[in-house]
Amino acid sequence: MVLKIKEWCFRISTLGSLGYLATGGILATLLVIPLLYVYQAVFWFHATLFYALLTLTLLSVVFSIQMALSFPTDKDSSVIVIDRSLAFLGLFLGIPLTFKIIFVGFFLFNLINFLRPFLLYRLWDISLEDLPGAAGVLVGPLATAFILNLFFRFVYWLSL
């Protein structure tokens, strides 16, 4: 029974077979774009419901990744792509959604996510993927999303 739950969590964390593709992380962020508008509609409808939904999403993703990491497989954690989906969703918290913002956010998020391991390891000899459990999978994309969120808030503030 526990092995079956871990298998389902592995499937959820890899978004089916999407994680096995070379562009799986990019496609995972594309799949989130409709959810951005759903979450925005929930926020405008009822802010408390939005934060409850956001918390439920975060907890379910962390649980799914943690269980997926303990699932016996020959694949490494790079096939887990739901972390990028969650981070891309978090990137736009408190940011007004427009096509330009989503496009630039999509481009910058994936560019920084691609360059992040090289820059951190070469400049400061840091590997975020070495953190234990789900933290090792989640910290990198969430840090990218946090930095870009601050950048977009600054750009929005400048435009006022």
N, C-alpha and C. Protein backbone atom coordinates (compact mmCIF):
# COMPACT_ATOMS: atom_id res chain seq x y z
N MET A 1 0.82 -1.19 0.00
CA MET A 1 0.00 0.00 0.00
C MET A 1 0.86 1.27 0.00
N VAL A 2 1.89 1.28 0.86
CA VAL A 2 2.77 2.45 0.93
C VAL A 2 3.53 2.60 -0.38
N LEU A 3 3.96 1.47 -0.96
CA LEU A 3 4.69 1.53 -2.23
C LEU A 3 3.81 2.08 -3.34
N LYS A 4 2.51 1.76 -3.31
CA LYS A 4 1.58 2.27 -4.31
C LYS A 4 1.41 3.79 -4.16
N ILE A 5 1.36 4.28 -2.91
CA ILE A 5 1.25 5.72 -2.67
C ILE A 5 2.51 6.42 -3.18
N LYS A 6 3.67 5.83 -2.90
CA LYS A 6 4.93 6.42 -3.38
C LYS A 6 4.98 6.44 -4.90
N GLU A 7 4.46 5.39 -5.53
CA GLU A 7 4.44 5.35 -6.99
C GLU A 7 3.55 6.47 -7.55
N TRP A 8 2.38 6.69 -6.94
CA TRP A 8 1.50 7.76 -7.39
C TRP A 8 2.13 9.13 -7.17
N CYS A 9 2.80 9.27 -6.04
CA CYS A 9 3.49 10.53 -5.77
C CYS A 9 4.62 10.76 -6.77
N PHE A 10 5.29 9.69 -7.17
CA PHE A 10 6.34 9.81 -8.18
C PHE A 10 5.73 10.25 -9.52
N ARG A 11 4.59 9.67 -9.87
CA ARG A 11 3.93 10.06 -11.12
C ARG A 11 3.47 11.52 -11.07
N ILE A 12 2.96 11.93 -9.93
CA ILE A 12 2.52 13.32 -9.77
C ILE A 12 3.72 14.27 -9.86
N SER A 13 4.81 13.90 -9.18
CA SER A 13 6.00 14.77 -9.14
C SER A 13 6.68 14.89 -10.50
N THR A 14 6.57 13.86 -11.31
CA THR A 14 7.16 13.93 -12.65
C THR A 14 6.14 14.38 -13.70
N LEU A 15 4.92 14.70 -13.22
CA LEU A 15 3.82 15.09 -14.10
C LEU A 15 3.64 14.06 -15.22
N GLY A 16 3.46 12.83 -14.79
CA GLY A 16 3.32 11.72 -15.73
C GLY A 16 4.68 11.38 -16.29
N SER A 17 4.82 11.45 -17.58
CA SER A 17 6.11 11.17 -18.21
C SER A 17 6.81 12.46 -18.64
N LEU A 18 6.27 13.59 -18.26
CA LEU A 18 6.84 14.89 -18.66
C LEU A 18 8.25 15.08 -18.12
N GLY A 19 8.51 14.58 -16.93
CA GLY A 19 9.82 14.73 -16.32
C GLY A 19 10.93 14.00 -17.03
N TYR A 20 10.57 13.03 -17.85
CA TYR A 20 11.59 12.26 -18.58
C TYR A 20 12.07 12.98 -19.84
N LEU A 21 11.35 14.01 -20.26
CA LEU A 21 11.73 14.75 -21.46
C LEU A 21 12.84 15.74 -21.13
N ALA A 22 13.65 16.05 -22.12
CA ALA A 22 14.73 17.02 -21.91
C ALA A 22 14.17 18.41 -21.59
N THR A 23 13.02 18.72 -22.14
CA THR A 23 12.40 20.03 -21.90
C THR A 23 11.25 19.93 -20.90
N GLY A 24 11.28 18.92 -20.05
CA GLY A 24 10.19 18.68 -19.10
C GLY A 24 9.95 19.84 -18.16
N GLY A 25 11.02 20.47 -17.65
CA GLY A 25 10.86 21.59 -16.74
C GLY A 25 10.22 22.79 -17.41
N ILE A 26 10.58 23.02 -18.66
CA ILE A 26 9.99 24.14 -19.41
C ILE A 26 8.52 23.88 -19.67
N LEU A 27 8.19 22.66 -20.07
CA LEU A 27 6.79 22.31 -20.31
C LEU A 27 5.97 22.36 -19.02
N ALA A 28 6.60 21.99 -17.90
CA ALA A 28 5.90 22.04 -16.61
C ALA A 28 5.53 23.47 -16.25
N THR A 29 6.39 24.43 -16.59
CA THR A 29 6.05 25.83 -16.31
C THR A 29 4.95 26.32 -17.25
N LEU A 30 4.95 25.83 -18.48
CA LEU A 30 3.89 26.21 -19.42
C LEU A 30 2.53 25.72 -18.95
N LEU A 31 2.49 24.54 -18.36
CA LEU A 31 1.22 23.98 -17.89
C LEU A 31 0.61 24.80 -16.76
N VAL A 32 1.41 25.59 -16.07
CA VAL A 32 0.93 26.37 -14.93
C VAL A 32 0.23 27.65 -15.36
N ILE A 33 0.47 28.12 -16.56
CA ILE A 33 -0.08 29.41 -16.99
C ILE A 33 -1.61 29.48 -16.82
N PRO A 34 -2.39 28.47 -17.23
CA PRO A 34 -3.83 28.56 -16.96
C PRO A 34 -4.15 28.60 -15.46
N LEU A 35 -3.35 27.91 -14.65
CA LEU A 35 -3.57 27.93 -13.20
C LEU A 35 -3.34 29.32 -12.61
N LEU A 36 -2.46 30.09 -13.22
CA LEU A 36 -2.22 31.46 -12.75
C LEU A 36 -3.52 32.26 -12.77
N TYR A 37 -4.27 32.11 -13.85
CA TYR A 37 -5.52 32.85 -13.97
C TYR A 37 -6.59 32.30 -13.03
N VAL A 38 -6.59 30.99 -12.81
CA VAL A 38 -7.54 30.40 -11.85
C VAL A 38 -7.24 30.91 -10.45
N TYR A 39 -5.96 30.87 -10.07
CA TYR A 39 -5.58 31.35 -8.73
C TYR A 39 -5.89 32.84 -8.58
N GLN A 40 -5.67 33.62 -9.64
CA GLN A 40 -5.98 35.05 -9.57
C GLN A 40 -7.48 35.26 -9.38
N ALA A 41 -8.30 34.47 -10.09
CA ALA A 41 -9.76 34.59 -9.94
C ALA A 41 -10.19 34.21 -8.52
N VAL A 42 -9.57 33.17 -7.96
CA VAL A 42 -9.89 32.78 -6.59
C VAL A 42 -9.49 33.90 -5.62
N PHE A 43 -8.34 34.52 -5.88
CA PHE A 43 -7.91 35.62 -5.01
C PHE A 43 -8.90 36.77 -5.04
N TRP A 44 -9.36 37.15 -6.23
CA TRP A 44 -10.30 38.27 -6.31
C TRP A 44 -11.66 37.89 -5.74
N PHE A 45 -11.99 36.59 -5.76
CA PHE A 45 -13.26 36.14 -5.19
C PHE A 45 -13.20 36.15 -3.67
N HIS A 46 -12.14 35.55 -3.11
CA HIS A 46 -12.03 35.46 -1.65
C HIS A 46 -10.57 35.21 -1.28
N ALA A 47 -9.94 36.19 -0.69
CA ALA A 47 -8.50 36.11 -0.39
C ALA A 47 -8.16 34.98 0.57
N THR A 48 -8.99 34.73 1.56
CA THR A 48 -8.72 33.66 2.52
C THR A 48 -8.75 32.30 1.83
N LEU A 49 -9.70 32.12 0.94
CA LEU A 49 -9.78 30.88 0.17
C LEU A 49 -8.53 30.71 -0.71
N PHE A 50 -8.06 31.81 -1.26
CA PHE A 50 -6.84 31.77 -2.07
C PHE A 50 -5.65 31.29 -1.25
N TYR A 51 -5.47 31.86 -0.06
CA TYR A 51 -4.33 31.46 0.77
C TYR A 51 -4.47 30.03 1.28
N ALA A 52 -5.68 29.58 1.52
CA ALA A 52 -5.90 28.19 1.90
C ALA A 52 -5.55 27.26 0.74
N LEU A 53 -5.95 27.64 -0.47
CA LEU A 53 -5.63 26.84 -1.66
C LEU A 53 -4.13 26.83 -1.92
N LEU A 54 -3.50 27.96 -1.74
CA LEU A 54 -2.05 28.05 -1.93
C LEU A 54 -1.30 27.19 -0.92
N THR A 55 -1.73 27.22 0.33
CA THR A 55 -1.11 26.39 1.37
C THR A 55 -1.31 24.92 1.08
N LEU A 56 -2.53 24.54 0.68
CA LEU A 56 -2.81 23.15 0.32
C LEU A 56 -1.94 22.71 -0.86
N THR A 57 -1.78 23.57 -1.83
CA THR A 57 -0.93 23.26 -2.99
C THR A 57 0.52 23.05 -2.55
N LEU A 58 1.03 23.94 -1.74
CA LEU A 58 2.40 23.83 -1.26
C LEU A 58 2.62 22.55 -0.47
N LEU A 59 1.74 22.26 0.46
CA LEU A 59 1.89 21.06 1.28
C LEU A 59 1.78 19.77 0.46
N SER A 60 0.86 19.75 -0.50
CA SER A 60 0.71 18.55 -1.32
C SER A 60 1.92 18.35 -2.23
N VAL A 61 2.50 19.43 -2.74
CA VAL A 61 3.69 19.30 -3.58
C VAL A 61 4.88 18.82 -2.75
N VAL A 62 5.07 19.38 -1.56
CA VAL A 62 6.18 18.95 -0.70
C VAL A 62 6.01 17.48 -0.32
N PHE A 63 4.80 17.08 0.05
CA PHE A 63 4.54 15.68 0.38
C PHE A 63 4.81 14.78 -0.82
N SER A 64 4.33 15.18 -1.98
CA SER A 64 4.51 14.38 -3.19
C SER A 64 5.98 14.21 -3.53
N ILE A 65 6.74 15.28 -3.44
CA ILE A 65 8.18 15.20 -3.74
C ILE A 65 8.90 14.33 -2.72
N GLN A 66 8.57 14.51 -1.45
CA GLN A 66 9.23 13.71 -0.41
C GLN A 66 8.95 12.22 -0.61
N MET A 67 7.72 11.88 -0.92
CA MET A 67 7.37 10.47 -1.16
C MET A 67 8.01 9.97 -2.46
N ALA A 68 8.07 10.81 -3.47
CA ALA A 68 8.66 10.41 -4.75
C ALA A 68 10.16 10.14 -4.60
N LEU A 69 10.82 10.90 -3.74
CA LEU A 69 12.25 10.68 -3.53
C LEU A 69 12.53 9.35 -2.86
N SER A 70 11.57 8.83 -2.11
CA SER A 70 11.78 7.54 -1.45
C SER A 70 11.25 6.38 -2.29
N PHE A 71 10.72 6.67 -3.47
CA PHE A 71 10.24 5.61 -4.36
C PHE A 71 11.44 4.98 -5.06
N PRO A 72 11.54 3.64 -5.00
CA PRO A 72 12.69 2.99 -5.62
C PRO A 72 12.61 3.05 -7.15
N THR A 73 13.54 3.78 -7.74
CA THR A 73 13.60 3.92 -9.20
C THR A 73 15.05 4.11 -9.61
N ASP A 74 15.31 3.88 -10.88
CA ASP A 74 16.67 4.07 -11.39
C ASP A 74 16.92 5.51 -11.84
N LYS A 75 15.90 6.36 -11.74
CA LYS A 75 16.03 7.76 -12.16
C LYS A 75 16.46 8.62 -10.97
N ASP A 76 17.15 9.71 -11.26
CA ASP A 76 17.53 10.63 -10.19
C ASP A 76 16.44 11.69 -10.01
N SER A 77 16.66 12.62 -9.11
CA SER A 77 15.63 13.61 -8.79
C SER A 77 15.42 14.64 -9.90
N SER A 78 16.22 14.62 -10.94
CA SER A 78 16.04 15.60 -12.02
C SER A 78 14.76 15.36 -12.82
N VAL A 79 14.16 14.17 -12.70
CA VAL A 79 12.91 13.91 -13.43
C VAL A 79 11.71 14.53 -12.72
N ILE A 80 11.91 14.98 -11.48
CA ILE A 80 10.84 15.66 -10.75
C ILE A 80 10.73 17.09 -11.26
N VAL A 81 9.58 17.42 -11.83
CA VAL A 81 9.40 18.74 -12.43
C VAL A 81 8.30 19.56 -11.77
N ILE A 82 7.59 18.96 -10.84
CA ILE A 82 6.50 19.69 -10.19
C ILE A 82 7.04 20.84 -9.34
N ASP A 83 8.31 20.76 -8.95
CA ASP A 83 8.92 21.86 -8.19
C ASP A 83 8.98 23.13 -9.02
N ARG A 84 9.26 22.98 -10.30
CA ARG A 84 9.30 24.15 -11.19
C ARG A 84 7.90 24.72 -11.39
N SER A 85 6.91 23.84 -11.45
CA SER A 85 5.53 24.31 -11.57
C SER A 85 5.12 25.13 -10.36
N LEU A 86 5.42 24.62 -9.18
CA LEU A 86 5.08 25.33 -7.95
C LEU A 86 5.81 26.68 -7.88
N ALA A 87 7.09 26.67 -8.21
CA ALA A 87 7.88 27.90 -8.15
C ALA A 87 7.36 28.93 -9.16
N PHE A 88 7.02 28.47 -10.36
CA PHE A 88 6.50 29.39 -11.38
C PHE A 88 5.17 29.99 -10.93
N LEU A 89 4.37 29.20 -10.25
CA LEU A 89 3.12 29.70 -9.70
C LEU A 89 3.41 30.76 -8.63
N GLY A 90 4.39 30.50 -7.78
CA GLY A 90 4.75 31.44 -6.73
C GLY A 90 5.41 32.70 -7.24
N LEU A 91 6.00 32.62 -8.41
CA LEU A 91 6.67 33.78 -8.99
C LEU A 91 5.72 34.95 -9.17
N PHE A 92 4.47 34.68 -9.45
CA PHE A 92 3.51 35.73 -9.78
C PHE A 92 2.61 36.12 -8.60
N LEU A 93 2.98 35.72 -7.38
CA LEU A 93 2.20 36.14 -6.22
C LEU A 93 2.27 37.65 -6.05
N GLY A 94 1.12 38.28 -6.07
CA GLY A 94 1.05 39.73 -5.88
C GLY A 94 1.46 40.54 -7.10
N ILE A 95 1.62 39.89 -8.23
CA ILE A 95 2.01 40.56 -9.47
C ILE A 95 0.79 40.61 -10.39
N PRO A 96 0.43 41.78 -10.91
CA PRO A 96 -0.69 41.85 -11.87
C PRO A 96 -0.35 41.06 -13.14
N LEU A 97 -1.24 40.19 -13.54
CA LEU A 97 -0.96 39.33 -14.69
C LEU A 97 -1.30 40.02 -16.00
N THR A 98 -0.31 40.10 -16.86
CA THR A 98 -0.49 40.52 -18.24
C THR A 98 0.28 39.54 -19.10
N PHE A 99 0.01 39.53 -20.38
CA PHE A 99 0.71 38.62 -21.27
C PHE A 99 2.21 38.89 -21.26
N LYS A 100 2.59 40.18 -21.28
CA LYS A 100 4.02 40.53 -21.28
C LYS A 100 4.72 40.05 -20.02
N ILE A 101 4.08 40.26 -18.86
CA ILE A 101 4.68 39.84 -17.60
C ILE A 101 4.86 38.32 -17.57
N ILE A 102 3.85 37.60 -18.00
CA ILE A 102 3.95 36.13 -18.00
C ILE A 102 5.02 35.68 -18.97
N PHE A 103 5.09 36.29 -20.16
CA PHE A 103 6.10 35.91 -21.15
C PHE A 103 7.51 36.18 -20.63
N VAL A 104 7.74 37.37 -20.12
CA VAL A 104 9.06 37.72 -19.59
C VAL A 104 9.39 36.85 -18.37
N GLY A 105 8.40 36.63 -17.51
CA GLY A 105 8.61 35.77 -16.35
C GLY A 105 8.96 34.35 -16.75
N PHE A 106 8.26 33.82 -17.75
CA PHE A 106 8.54 32.48 -18.25
C PHE A 106 9.96 32.39 -18.79
N PHE A 107 10.35 33.36 -19.59
CA PHE A 107 11.70 33.36 -20.18
C PHE A 107 12.77 33.48 -19.10
N LEU A 108 12.64 34.47 -18.22
CA LEU A 108 13.65 34.68 -17.18
C LEU A 108 13.72 33.52 -16.19
N PHE A 109 12.56 32.99 -15.81
CA PHE A 109 12.53 31.88 -14.86
C PHE A 109 13.28 30.67 -15.40
N ASN A 110 13.01 30.32 -16.64
CA ASN A 110 13.67 29.15 -17.22
C ASN A 110 15.14 29.40 -17.51
N LEU A 111 15.48 30.63 -17.90
CA LEU A 111 16.89 30.97 -18.13
C LEU A 111 17.68 30.89 -16.82
N ILE A 112 17.16 31.50 -15.77
CA ILE A 112 17.86 31.50 -14.49
C ILE A 112 17.90 30.09 -13.91
N ASN A 113 16.82 29.33 -14.06
CA ASN A 113 16.82 27.95 -13.58
C ASN A 113 17.87 27.11 -14.30
N PHE A 114 18.08 27.40 -15.57
CA PHE A 114 19.10 26.67 -16.33
C PHE A 114 20.51 27.07 -15.89
N LEU A 115 20.72 28.36 -15.67
CA LEU A 115 22.05 28.87 -15.32
C LEU A 115 22.39 28.74 -13.84
N ARG A 116 21.38 28.65 -12.98
CA ARG A 116 21.59 28.66 -11.53
C ARG A 116 22.61 27.64 -11.03
N PRO A 117 22.54 26.37 -11.40
CA PRO A 117 23.53 25.42 -10.86
C PRO A 117 24.96 25.78 -11.27
N PHE A 118 25.14 26.23 -12.49
CA PHE A 118 26.48 26.58 -12.96
C PHE A 118 27.02 27.80 -12.23
N LEU A 119 26.19 28.82 -12.08
CA LEU A 119 26.63 30.05 -11.42
C LEU A 119 26.93 29.83 -9.94
N LEU A 120 26.02 29.17 -9.24
CA LEU A 120 26.23 28.95 -7.81
C LEU A 120 27.44 28.06 -7.55
N TYR A 121 27.57 27.00 -8.32
CA TYR A 121 28.66 26.07 -8.06
C TYR A 121 30.01 26.66 -8.45
N ARG A 122 30.04 27.36 -9.58
CA ARG A 122 31.32 27.92 -10.03
C ARG A 122 31.75 29.14 -9.21
N LEU A 123 30.80 29.97 -8.83
CA LEU A 123 31.15 31.19 -8.11
C LEU A 123 31.36 30.97 -6.62
N TRP A 124 30.46 30.19 -6.00
CA TRP A 124 30.52 30.05 -4.54
C TRP A 124 30.65 28.61 -4.07
N ASP A 125 30.80 27.66 -4.97
CA ASP A 125 30.93 26.25 -4.63
C ASP A 125 29.74 25.76 -3.80
N ILE A 126 28.54 26.19 -4.20
CA ILE A 126 27.31 25.82 -3.51
C ILE A 126 26.48 24.95 -4.44
N SER A 127 25.95 23.85 -3.91
CA SER A 127 25.02 23.02 -4.65
C SER A 127 23.76 22.86 -3.82
N LEU A 128 22.69 23.54 -4.22
CA LEU A 128 21.44 23.49 -3.48
C LEU A 128 20.80 22.11 -3.55
N GLU A 129 21.13 21.34 -4.57
CA GLU A 129 20.54 20.02 -4.74
C GLU A 129 21.05 19.03 -3.70
N ASP A 130 22.10 19.38 -2.95
CA ASP A 130 22.63 18.50 -1.92
C ASP A 130 21.86 18.58 -0.61
N LEU A 131 20.92 19.51 -0.50
CA LEU A 131 20.09 19.58 0.71
C LEU A 131 19.25 18.31 0.82
N PRO A 132 18.92 17.88 2.03
CA PRO A 132 18.20 16.61 2.18
C PRO A 132 16.72 16.70 1.77
N GLY A 133 16.21 15.60 1.24
CA GLY A 133 14.79 15.45 0.95
C GLY A 133 14.24 16.43 -0.06
N ALA A 134 12.98 16.82 0.17
CA ALA A 134 12.28 17.71 -0.74
C ALA A 134 12.93 19.09 -0.78
N ALA A 135 13.64 19.48 0.28
CA ALA A 135 14.29 20.79 0.29
C ALA A 135 15.32 20.90 -0.83
N GLY A 136 16.06 19.82 -1.09
CA GLY A 136 17.06 19.83 -2.15
C GLY A 136 16.45 20.01 -3.53
N VAL A 137 15.22 19.57 -3.69
CA VAL A 137 14.54 19.71 -4.98
C VAL A 137 13.87 21.07 -5.09
N LEU A 138 13.31 21.56 -3.99
CA LEU A 138 12.48 22.77 -4.03
C LEU A 138 13.23 24.09 -3.87
N VAL A 139 14.32 24.11 -3.14
CA VAL A 139 14.96 25.38 -2.78
C VAL A 139 15.44 26.16 -4.01
N GLY A 140 16.04 25.52 -4.96
CA GLY A 140 16.55 26.22 -6.14
C GLY A 140 15.48 26.94 -6.93
N PRO A 141 14.45 26.23 -7.41
CA PRO A 141 13.40 26.93 -8.15
C PRO A 141 12.64 27.96 -7.32
N LEU A 142 12.41 27.68 -6.03
CA LEU A 142 11.72 28.65 -5.20
C LEU A 142 12.56 29.91 -4.99
N ALA A 143 13.87 29.76 -4.86
CA ALA A 143 14.75 30.92 -4.73
C ALA A 143 14.72 31.75 -6.02
N THR A 144 14.73 31.07 -7.16
CA THR A 144 14.63 31.76 -8.44
C THR A 144 13.32 32.55 -8.52
N ALA A 145 12.22 31.90 -8.13
CA ALA A 145 10.91 32.56 -8.17
C ALA A 145 10.86 33.75 -7.22
N PHE A 146 11.44 33.61 -6.04
CA PHE A 146 11.44 34.71 -5.07
C PHE A 146 12.21 35.92 -5.61
N ILE A 147 13.38 35.67 -6.18
CA ILE A 147 14.19 36.77 -6.72
C ILE A 147 13.47 37.45 -7.88
N LEU A 148 12.87 36.67 -8.76
CA LEU A 148 12.14 37.26 -9.89
C LEU A 148 10.89 38.00 -9.43
N ASN A 149 10.23 37.48 -8.38
CA ASN A 149 9.07 38.17 -7.83
C ASN A 149 9.47 39.55 -7.33
N LEU A 150 10.59 39.62 -6.61
CA LEU A 150 11.09 40.92 -6.13
C LEU A 150 11.43 41.83 -7.31
N PHE A 151 12.02 41.26 -8.36
CA PHE A 151 12.36 42.04 -9.55
C PHE A 151 11.10 42.61 -10.20
N PHE A 152 10.06 41.79 -10.36
CA PHE A 152 8.83 42.27 -10.98
C PHE A 152 8.12 43.30 -10.10
N ARG A 153 8.19 43.12 -8.79
CA ARG A 153 7.60 44.12 -7.90
C ARG A 153 8.34 45.46 -8.03
N PHE A 154 9.67 45.41 -8.17
CA PHE A 154 10.45 46.62 -8.35
C PHE A 154 10.11 47.29 -9.68
N VAL A 155 10.02 46.52 -10.73
CA VAL A 155 9.65 47.08 -12.05
C VAL A 155 8.25 47.69 -12.00
N TYR A 156 7.34 46.99 -11.33
CA TYR A 156 5.97 47.52 -11.20
C TYR A 156 5.97 48.82 -10.40
N TRP A 157 6.77 48.88 -9.34
CA TRP A 157 6.87 50.08 -8.53
C TRP A 157 7.44 51.24 -9.35
N LEU A 158 8.44 50.95 -10.19
CA LEU A 158 9.01 51.99 -11.04
C LEU A 158 8.00 52.54 -12.05
N SER A 159 7.07 51.68 -12.47
CA SER A 159 6.11 52.11 -13.49
C SER A 159 4.97 52.94 -12.92
N LEU A 160 4.87 53.01 -11.61
CA LEU A 160 3.76 53.79 -11.00
C LEU A 160 4.02 55.28 -11.07
